[in-house]
N, C-alpha and C. Protein backbone atom coordinates (compact mmCIF):
# COMPACT_ATOMS: atom_id res chain seq x y z
N MET A 1 -16.51 8.05 -11.09
CA MET A 1 -15.69 9.10 -11.66
C MET A 1 -15.73 9.04 -13.18
N LYS A 2 -15.87 7.86 -13.77
CA LYS A 2 -15.89 7.75 -15.22
C LYS A 2 -17.18 8.32 -15.80
N LEU A 3 -18.28 8.21 -15.07
CA LEU A 3 -19.56 8.66 -15.57
C LEU A 3 -19.57 10.15 -15.90
N PRO A 4 -19.07 11.03 -15.01
CA PRO A 4 -19.06 12.46 -15.37
C PRO A 4 -18.19 12.75 -16.58
N LEU A 5 -17.05 12.04 -16.73
CA LEU A 5 -16.18 12.27 -17.87
C LEU A 5 -16.86 11.85 -19.17
N VAL A 6 -17.55 10.72 -19.14
CA VAL A 6 -18.25 10.24 -20.33
C VAL A 6 -19.37 11.20 -20.68
N GLY A 7 -20.11 11.63 -19.66
CA GLY A 7 -21.19 12.59 -19.89
C GLY A 7 -20.68 13.90 -20.46
N MET A 8 -19.53 14.35 -19.96
CA MET A 8 -18.96 15.59 -20.46
C MET A 8 -18.51 15.43 -21.91
N ALA A 9 -17.93 14.28 -22.25
CA ALA A 9 -17.49 14.04 -23.62
C ALA A 9 -18.67 14.01 -24.58
N VAL A 10 -19.77 13.37 -24.15
CA VAL A 10 -20.96 13.32 -24.99
C VAL A 10 -21.55 14.71 -25.16
N ALA A 11 -21.58 15.47 -24.07
CA ALA A 11 -22.12 16.83 -24.13
C ALA A 11 -21.28 17.70 -25.06
N LEU A 12 -19.96 17.56 -25.00
CA LEU A 12 -19.09 18.33 -25.88
C LEU A 12 -19.28 17.94 -27.34
N ALA A 13 -19.54 16.66 -27.58
CA ALA A 13 -19.73 16.19 -28.95
C ALA A 13 -20.96 16.82 -29.59
N PHE A 14 -22.00 17.02 -28.80
CA PHE A 14 -23.23 17.59 -29.33
C PHE A 14 -23.29 19.11 -29.19
N ALA A 15 -22.35 19.70 -28.47
CA ALA A 15 -22.40 21.13 -28.21
C ALA A 15 -21.84 21.97 -29.34
N GLY A 16 -21.15 21.38 -30.28
CA GLY A 16 -20.55 22.14 -31.37
C GLY A 16 -21.60 22.88 -32.18
N SER A 17 -21.47 24.19 -32.25
CA SER A 17 -22.48 24.98 -32.95
C SER A 17 -22.19 25.09 -34.44
N SER A 18 -20.94 24.85 -34.82
CA SER A 18 -20.60 24.93 -36.24
C SER A 18 -19.97 23.62 -36.70
N ALA A 19 -19.99 23.42 -37.99
CA ALA A 19 -19.41 22.19 -38.54
C ALA A 19 -17.88 22.22 -38.46
N ASP A 20 -17.30 23.41 -38.28
CA ASP A 20 -15.84 23.54 -38.22
C ASP A 20 -15.28 23.12 -36.87
N ALA A 21 -16.10 23.09 -35.83
CA ALA A 21 -15.61 22.71 -34.51
C ALA A 21 -15.22 21.24 -34.52
N LYS A 22 -13.95 20.98 -34.17
CA LYS A 22 -13.44 19.61 -34.20
C LYS A 22 -12.99 19.20 -32.81
N LEU A 23 -13.33 18.02 -32.43
CA LEU A 23 -12.79 17.44 -31.21
C LEU A 23 -11.56 16.64 -31.57
N PRO A 24 -10.57 16.60 -30.68
CA PRO A 24 -9.38 15.82 -30.99
C PRO A 24 -9.73 14.33 -31.04
N PRO A 25 -9.18 13.63 -32.01
CA PRO A 25 -9.45 12.18 -32.08
C PRO A 25 -8.74 11.47 -30.93
N LEU A 26 -9.51 10.97 -30.00
CA LEU A 26 -8.96 10.38 -28.79
C LEU A 26 -8.27 9.05 -29.03
N ARG A 27 -8.48 8.45 -30.16
CA ARG A 27 -7.87 7.14 -30.44
C ARG A 27 -6.61 7.25 -31.29
N ASP A 28 -6.15 8.45 -31.55
CA ASP A 28 -4.95 8.66 -32.36
C ASP A 28 -3.82 9.18 -31.45
N PRO A 29 -2.94 8.30 -30.96
CA PRO A 29 -1.92 8.75 -30.01
C PRO A 29 -0.93 9.75 -30.61
N VAL A 30 -0.67 9.67 -31.90
CA VAL A 30 0.26 10.61 -32.52
C VAL A 30 -0.34 12.02 -32.52
N PHE A 31 -1.61 12.13 -32.89
CA PHE A 31 -2.25 13.43 -32.90
C PHE A 31 -2.39 13.98 -31.48
N LEU A 32 -2.68 13.11 -30.51
CA LEU A 32 -2.76 13.56 -29.12
C LEU A 32 -1.41 14.09 -28.65
N ASN A 33 -0.34 13.40 -29.00
CA ASN A 33 1.01 13.85 -28.65
C ASN A 33 1.25 15.26 -29.21
N ILE A 34 0.96 15.43 -30.48
CA ILE A 34 1.18 16.73 -31.11
C ILE A 34 0.27 17.78 -30.49
N GLY A 35 -0.97 17.42 -30.21
CA GLY A 35 -1.91 18.37 -29.60
C GLY A 35 -1.43 18.84 -28.24
N PHE A 36 -0.92 17.92 -27.42
CA PHE A 36 -0.42 18.31 -26.10
C PHE A 36 0.82 19.17 -26.21
N VAL A 37 1.72 18.83 -27.14
CA VAL A 37 2.94 19.62 -27.33
C VAL A 37 2.57 21.04 -27.76
N CYS A 38 1.58 21.16 -28.64
CA CYS A 38 1.18 22.47 -29.18
C CYS A 38 0.11 23.17 -28.37
N GLN A 39 -0.37 22.55 -27.33
CA GLN A 39 -1.46 23.10 -26.53
C GLN A 39 -2.68 23.40 -27.41
N TRP A 40 -2.91 22.55 -28.39
CA TRP A 40 -4.07 22.56 -29.29
C TRP A 40 -4.17 23.81 -30.15
N GLN A 41 -3.07 24.47 -30.44
CA GLN A 41 -3.05 25.61 -31.35
C GLN A 41 -2.91 25.07 -32.77
N GLU A 42 -3.87 25.41 -33.64
CA GLU A 42 -3.93 24.80 -34.97
C GLU A 42 -2.70 25.05 -35.82
N SER A 43 -2.16 26.26 -35.79
CA SER A 43 -0.98 26.55 -36.62
C SER A 43 0.22 25.72 -36.17
N CYS A 44 0.36 25.55 -34.87
CA CYS A 44 1.45 24.73 -34.34
C CYS A 44 1.25 23.26 -34.71
N ILE A 45 0.01 22.78 -34.62
CA ILE A 45 -0.28 21.39 -34.97
C ILE A 45 0.06 21.13 -36.43
N GLU A 46 -0.28 22.06 -37.30
CA GLU A 46 0.03 21.89 -38.73
C GLU A 46 1.54 21.84 -38.96
N LYS A 47 2.29 22.71 -38.28
CA LYS A 47 3.75 22.71 -38.42
C LYS A 47 4.34 21.39 -37.92
N GLN A 48 3.83 20.90 -36.78
CA GLN A 48 4.33 19.65 -36.23
C GLN A 48 4.02 18.47 -37.17
N GLN A 49 2.83 18.46 -37.75
CA GLN A 49 2.47 17.38 -38.66
C GLN A 49 3.33 17.40 -39.92
N ARG A 50 3.61 18.59 -40.44
CA ARG A 50 4.49 18.69 -41.61
C ARG A 50 5.90 18.19 -41.26
N ALA A 51 6.39 18.59 -40.08
CA ALA A 51 7.73 18.15 -39.66
C ALA A 51 7.76 16.64 -39.44
N MET A 52 6.66 16.08 -38.92
CA MET A 52 6.60 14.64 -38.72
C MET A 52 6.68 13.91 -40.06
N LYS A 53 5.94 14.38 -41.06
CA LYS A 53 5.97 13.74 -42.37
C LYS A 53 7.36 13.86 -43.01
N ARG A 54 7.97 15.04 -42.87
CA ARG A 54 9.32 15.22 -43.41
C ARG A 54 10.32 14.31 -42.71
N SER A 55 10.19 14.20 -41.38
CA SER A 55 11.10 13.36 -40.60
C SER A 55 10.99 11.90 -40.99
N LEU A 56 9.77 11.42 -41.06
CA LEU A 56 9.56 10.02 -41.41
C LEU A 56 10.04 9.73 -42.83
N GLY A 57 9.81 10.66 -43.75
CA GLY A 57 10.30 10.50 -45.11
C GLY A 57 11.81 10.51 -45.17
N PHE A 58 12.44 11.38 -44.39
CA PHE A 58 13.90 11.46 -44.36
C PHE A 58 14.49 10.16 -43.83
N VAL A 59 13.92 9.64 -42.73
CA VAL A 59 14.43 8.40 -42.14
C VAL A 59 14.24 7.23 -43.10
N LYS A 60 13.10 7.18 -43.77
CA LYS A 60 12.85 6.09 -44.71
C LYS A 60 13.81 6.13 -45.90
N LYS A 61 14.06 7.34 -46.40
CA LYS A 61 14.91 7.49 -47.58
C LYS A 61 16.40 7.32 -47.26
N ASN A 62 16.86 7.94 -46.18
CA ASN A 62 18.30 8.00 -45.89
C ASN A 62 18.79 6.94 -44.93
N LYS A 63 17.90 6.29 -44.20
CA LYS A 63 18.25 5.24 -43.25
C LYS A 63 19.44 5.63 -42.36
N PRO A 64 19.25 6.62 -41.48
CA PRO A 64 20.35 7.04 -40.60
C PRO A 64 20.68 5.93 -39.60
N PRO A 65 21.89 5.94 -39.05
CA PRO A 65 22.27 4.90 -38.09
C PRO A 65 21.40 4.96 -36.82
N ALA A 66 21.31 3.84 -36.14
CA ALA A 66 20.45 3.74 -34.96
C ALA A 66 20.86 4.73 -33.87
N TRP A 67 22.16 4.96 -33.70
CA TRP A 67 22.60 5.89 -32.65
C TRP A 67 22.04 7.28 -32.90
N LYS A 68 21.97 7.68 -34.18
CA LYS A 68 21.48 9.03 -34.49
C LYS A 68 19.98 9.13 -34.23
N VAL A 69 19.23 8.11 -34.59
CA VAL A 69 17.78 8.10 -34.34
C VAL A 69 17.53 8.17 -32.84
N GLN A 70 18.26 7.36 -32.07
CA GLN A 70 18.08 7.35 -30.61
C GLN A 70 18.49 8.68 -29.99
N PHE A 71 19.59 9.25 -30.47
CA PHE A 71 20.05 10.54 -29.96
C PHE A 71 19.01 11.61 -30.23
N CYS A 72 18.48 11.65 -31.43
CA CYS A 72 17.49 12.67 -31.79
C CYS A 72 16.17 12.46 -31.05
N ASN A 73 15.81 11.20 -30.81
CA ASN A 73 14.61 10.92 -30.00
C ASN A 73 14.76 11.49 -28.61
N ARG A 74 15.92 11.25 -27.99
CA ARG A 74 16.15 11.78 -26.64
C ARG A 74 16.17 13.30 -26.66
N ARG A 75 16.79 13.87 -27.67
CA ARG A 75 16.93 15.31 -27.74
C ARG A 75 15.58 16.01 -27.97
N ALA A 76 14.70 15.37 -28.72
CA ALA A 76 13.41 15.98 -29.03
C ALA A 76 12.33 15.64 -28.01
N SER A 77 12.66 14.81 -27.01
CA SER A 77 11.67 14.46 -25.99
C SER A 77 11.29 15.68 -25.19
N PHE A 78 10.04 15.71 -24.81
CA PHE A 78 9.47 16.87 -24.15
C PHE A 78 9.41 16.61 -22.65
N ARG A 79 10.45 16.97 -21.92
CA ARG A 79 10.50 16.86 -20.46
C ARG A 79 10.10 15.50 -19.92
N ARG A 80 10.65 14.46 -20.48
CA ARG A 80 10.45 13.09 -20.00
C ARG A 80 8.99 12.63 -19.99
N THR A 81 8.15 13.24 -20.78
CA THR A 81 6.75 12.84 -20.82
C THR A 81 6.48 11.85 -21.93
N GLY A 82 7.48 11.60 -22.76
CA GLY A 82 7.28 10.70 -23.89
C GLY A 82 6.76 11.44 -25.11
N ARG A 83 6.52 12.73 -24.98
CA ARG A 83 6.05 13.51 -26.12
C ARG A 83 7.24 13.99 -26.94
N ILE A 84 7.06 13.98 -28.23
CA ILE A 84 8.15 14.35 -29.14
C ILE A 84 7.80 15.66 -29.84
N ASP A 85 8.76 16.56 -29.87
CA ASP A 85 8.65 17.78 -30.66
C ASP A 85 9.21 17.43 -32.03
N TRP A 86 8.34 17.27 -33.02
CA TRP A 86 8.74 16.78 -34.34
C TRP A 86 9.62 17.78 -35.09
N ILE A 87 9.46 19.05 -34.84
CA ILE A 87 10.30 20.05 -35.50
C ILE A 87 11.75 19.89 -35.02
N SER A 88 11.93 19.74 -33.72
CA SER A 88 13.28 19.52 -33.19
C SER A 88 13.86 18.21 -33.69
N TYR A 89 13.01 17.18 -33.77
CA TYR A 89 13.48 15.88 -34.25
C TYR A 89 13.95 15.99 -35.70
N TYR A 90 13.18 16.66 -36.55
CA TYR A 90 13.57 16.79 -37.95
C TYR A 90 14.88 17.58 -38.07
N ASN A 91 15.00 18.67 -37.31
CA ASN A 91 16.23 19.45 -37.36
C ASN A 91 17.44 18.62 -36.93
N CYS A 92 17.24 17.76 -35.96
CA CYS A 92 18.34 16.91 -35.48
C CYS A 92 18.67 15.81 -36.49
N ILE A 93 17.66 15.08 -36.94
CA ILE A 93 17.90 13.91 -37.79
C ILE A 93 18.45 14.31 -39.16
N SER A 94 18.09 15.48 -39.64
CA SER A 94 18.56 15.92 -40.96
C SER A 94 19.86 16.71 -40.89
N ASN A 95 20.40 16.88 -39.70
CA ASN A 95 21.64 17.62 -39.51
C ASN A 95 22.82 16.77 -39.97
N SER A 96 23.40 17.12 -41.10
CA SER A 96 24.49 16.31 -41.66
C SER A 96 25.80 16.50 -40.91
N SER A 97 25.94 17.58 -40.16
CA SER A 97 27.20 17.80 -39.44
C SER A 97 27.22 17.09 -38.09
N LEU A 98 26.11 16.47 -37.73
CA LEU A 98 26.05 15.73 -36.47
C LEU A 98 26.75 14.40 -36.66
N GLY A 99 27.83 14.18 -35.93
CA GLY A 99 28.60 12.95 -36.07
C GLY A 99 28.62 12.17 -34.78
N GLN A 100 28.92 10.90 -34.89
CA GLN A 100 28.99 10.05 -33.71
C GLN A 100 30.19 10.46 -32.87
N ALA A 101 30.06 10.31 -31.57
CA ALA A 101 31.16 10.64 -30.67
C ALA A 101 32.39 9.80 -31.03
N SER A 102 33.53 10.35 -30.73
CA SER A 102 34.77 9.65 -31.09
C SER A 102 34.83 8.31 -30.38
N SER A 103 35.49 7.36 -31.00
CA SER A 103 35.60 6.01 -30.45
C SER A 103 36.80 5.89 -29.53
N GLY A 104 37.31 7.02 -29.09
CA GLY A 104 38.49 7.02 -28.23
C GLY A 104 38.23 6.54 -26.82
N GLY A 105 36.99 6.34 -26.47
CA GLY A 105 36.68 5.83 -25.14
C GLY A 105 36.37 6.95 -24.17
N VAL A 106 36.95 6.84 -22.97
CA VAL A 106 36.66 7.78 -21.89
C VAL A 106 37.39 9.10 -22.13
N HIS A 107 36.68 10.19 -21.92
CA HIS A 107 37.29 11.50 -22.03
C HIS A 107 37.95 11.85 -20.69
N ARG A 108 39.13 12.35 -20.75
CA ARG A 108 39.87 12.67 -19.53
C ARG A 108 39.79 14.16 -19.23
N ALA A 109 39.64 14.48 -17.97
CA ALA A 109 39.64 15.88 -17.55
C ALA A 109 41.06 16.41 -17.60
N ARG A 110 41.23 17.64 -18.00
CA ARG A 110 42.57 18.23 -18.10
C ARG A 110 42.89 19.06 -16.92
């Protein structure tokens, strides 16, 4: 089963008729994640990459609490596949009105 896949990958590598044709870098898990989320649409990939850079810069500069990073990771997850929508993550992590749940404990039904 591996032989046909390898043969197909080699054939695709040599089949590009123009220098602009790019194959996704198979060894870059971040780019693969973004590619799958965007279904390989270039404009979407560019937006996701910009949001990823902004998100990482925001986290590095502002050092948000761990609960917020974890909350935004869960919120930006793409249907339990482990893929992250970086635009949603940036919108969540940079949201200053997002506060930690009250420390009152269990919420009671009224």
